[in-house]
Amino acid sequence: MAHPKSRISKQRKRKRRTHLKAAIPQIATCKETGEAHLYHRAYWHDGSMYYKGQMVIQAVEEVD
């Protein structure tokens, strides 16, 4: 048995989808460095990488 290609009109489908919006990302401030970053994400500060307030990758100092 044949089925119609679209039982819900484009207009009705688009009206429903207007409510799907990206939320504003939450920003945390690190207590150790004072750097603003996204929750649950590692971030760089002065050449070092931090995650959950702890240094994960230490910055390498260049010697001339």
C-alpha atoms as a PDB file:
ATOM      1  CA  MET A   1       0.000   0.000   0.000  1.00  0.00           C
ATOM      2  CA  ALA A   2       1.327   3.424  -0.902  1.00  0.00           C
ATOM      3  CA  HIS A   3       2.157   5.934   1.813  1.00  0.00           C
ATOM      4  CA  PRO A   4       2.202   9.690   1.455  1.00  0.00           C
ATOM      5  CA  LYS A   5       5.715  11.113   1.338  1.00  0.00           C
ATOM      6  CA  SER A   6       5.080  13.459   4.264  1.00  0.00           C
ATOM      7  CA  ARG A   7       2.116  13.214   6.605  1.00  0.00           C
ATOM      8  CA  ILE A   8       3.235  16.248   8.567  1.00  0.00           C
ATOM      9  CA  SER A   9       3.484  19.439   6.576  1.00  0.00           C
ATOM     10  CA  LYS A  10       6.792  21.301   6.342  1.00  0.00           C
ATOM     11  CA  GLN A  11       5.274  24.278   8.111  1.00  0.00           C
ATOM     12  CA  ARG A  12       4.091  22.199  11.077  1.00  0.00           C
ATOM     13  CA  LYS A  13       7.444  20.386  11.329  1.00  0.00           C
ATOM     14  CA  ARG A  14       9.380  23.657  11.275  1.00  0.00           C
ATOM     15  CA  LYS A  15       7.127  25.203  13.938  1.00  0.00           C
ATOM     16  CA  ARG A  16       7.919  22.290  16.234  1.00  0.00           C
ATOM     17  CA  ARG A  17      11.654  22.565  15.630  1.00  0.00           C
ATOM     18  CA  THR A  18      11.831  26.282  16.474  1.00  0.00           C
ATOM     19  CA  HIS A  19      11.982  25.365  20.167  1.00  0.00           C
ATOM     20  CA  LEU A  20      15.161  23.315  19.768  1.00  0.00           C
ATOM     21  CA  LYS A  21      17.878  25.791  20.595  1.00  0.00           C
ATOM     22  CA  ALA A  22      21.445  25.453  21.751  1.00  0.00           C
ATOM     23  CA  ALA A  23      21.800  26.260  25.432  1.00  0.00           C
ATOM     24  CA  ILE A  24      24.290  28.849  26.626  1.00  0.00           C
ATOM     25  CA  PRO A  25      27.411  26.979  27.769  1.00  0.00           C
ATOM     26  CA  GLN A  26      28.117  27.163  31.491  1.00  0.00           C
ATOM     27  CA  ILE A  27      31.437  28.728  32.389  1.00  0.00           C
ATOM     28  CA  ALA A  28      33.393  27.870  35.520  1.00  0.00           C
ATOM     29  CA  THR A  29      36.245  29.780  37.138  1.00  0.00           C
ATOM     30  CA  CYS A  30      39.239  27.767  38.334  1.00  0.00           C
ATOM     31  CA  LYS A  31      40.132  28.320  41.991  1.00  0.00           C
ATOM     32  CA  GLU A  32      43.828  27.656  41.334  1.00  0.00           C
ATOM     33  CA  THR A  33      44.439  29.844  38.266  1.00  0.00           C
ATOM     34  CA  GLY A  34      41.379  32.102  38.099  1.00  0.00           C
ATOM     35  CA  GLU A  35      40.933  31.127  34.434  1.00  0.00           C
ATOM     36  CA  ALA A  36      37.393  30.938  33.012  1.00  0.00           C
ATOM     37  CA  HIS A  37      36.698  27.633  31.197  1.00  0.00           C
ATOM     38  CA  LEU A  38      33.898  25.294  30.160  1.00  0.00           C
ATOM     39  CA  TYR A  39      32.779  22.659  32.656  1.00  0.00           C
ATOM     40  CA  HIS A  40      34.340  19.182  32.249  1.00  0.00           C
ATOM     41  CA  ARG A  41      36.946  20.457  29.792  1.00  0.00           C
ATOM     42  CA  ALA A  42      40.702  20.793  30.113  1.00  0.00           C
ATOM     43  CA  TYR A  43      42.061  24.271  29.432  1.00  0.00           C
ATOM     44  CA  TRP A  44      45.404  25.952  28.767  1.00  0.00           C
ATOM     45  CA  HIS A  45      46.827  28.586  31.121  1.00  0.00           C
ATOM     46  CA  ASP A  46      50.349  30.039  30.733  1.00  0.00           C
ATOM     47  CA  GLY A  47      51.408  27.139  28.502  1.00  0.00           C
ATOM     48  CA  SER A  48      50.251  24.436  30.938  1.00  0.00           C
ATOM     49  CA  MET A  49      47.084  22.359  30.677  1.00  0.00           C
ATOM     50  CA  TYR A  50      44.780  22.131  33.697  1.00  0.00           C
ATOM     51  CA  TYR A  51      41.817  19.868  34.457  1.00  0.00           C
ATOM     52  CA  LYS A  52      39.767  19.903  37.664  1.00  0.00           C
ATOM     53  CA  GLY A  53      42.197  22.390  39.207  1.00  0.00           C
ATOM     54  CA  GLN A  54      45.233  20.140  38.692  1.00  0.00           C
ATOM     55  CA  MET A  55      48.056  20.526  36.196  1.00  0.00           C
ATOM     56  CA  VAL A  56      47.887  17.774  33.572  1.00  0.00           C
ATOM     57  CA  ILE A  57      50.605  18.936  31.159  1.00  0.00           C
ATOM     58  CA  GLN A  58      53.397  21.161  32.401  1.00  0.00           C
ATOM     59  CA  ALA A  59      54.762  23.968  30.256  1.00  0.00           C
ATOM     60  CA  VAL A  60      58.210  23.441  28.772  1.00  0.00           C
ATOM     61  CA  GLU A  61      60.539  26.399  29.091  1.00  0.00           C
ATOM     62  CA  GLU A  62      62.713  27.132  26.069  1.00  0.00           C
ATOM     63  CA  VAL A  63      66.437  27.636  26.686  1.00  0.00           C
ATOM     64  CA  ASP A  64      68.472  29.690  24.198  1.00  0.00           C
END
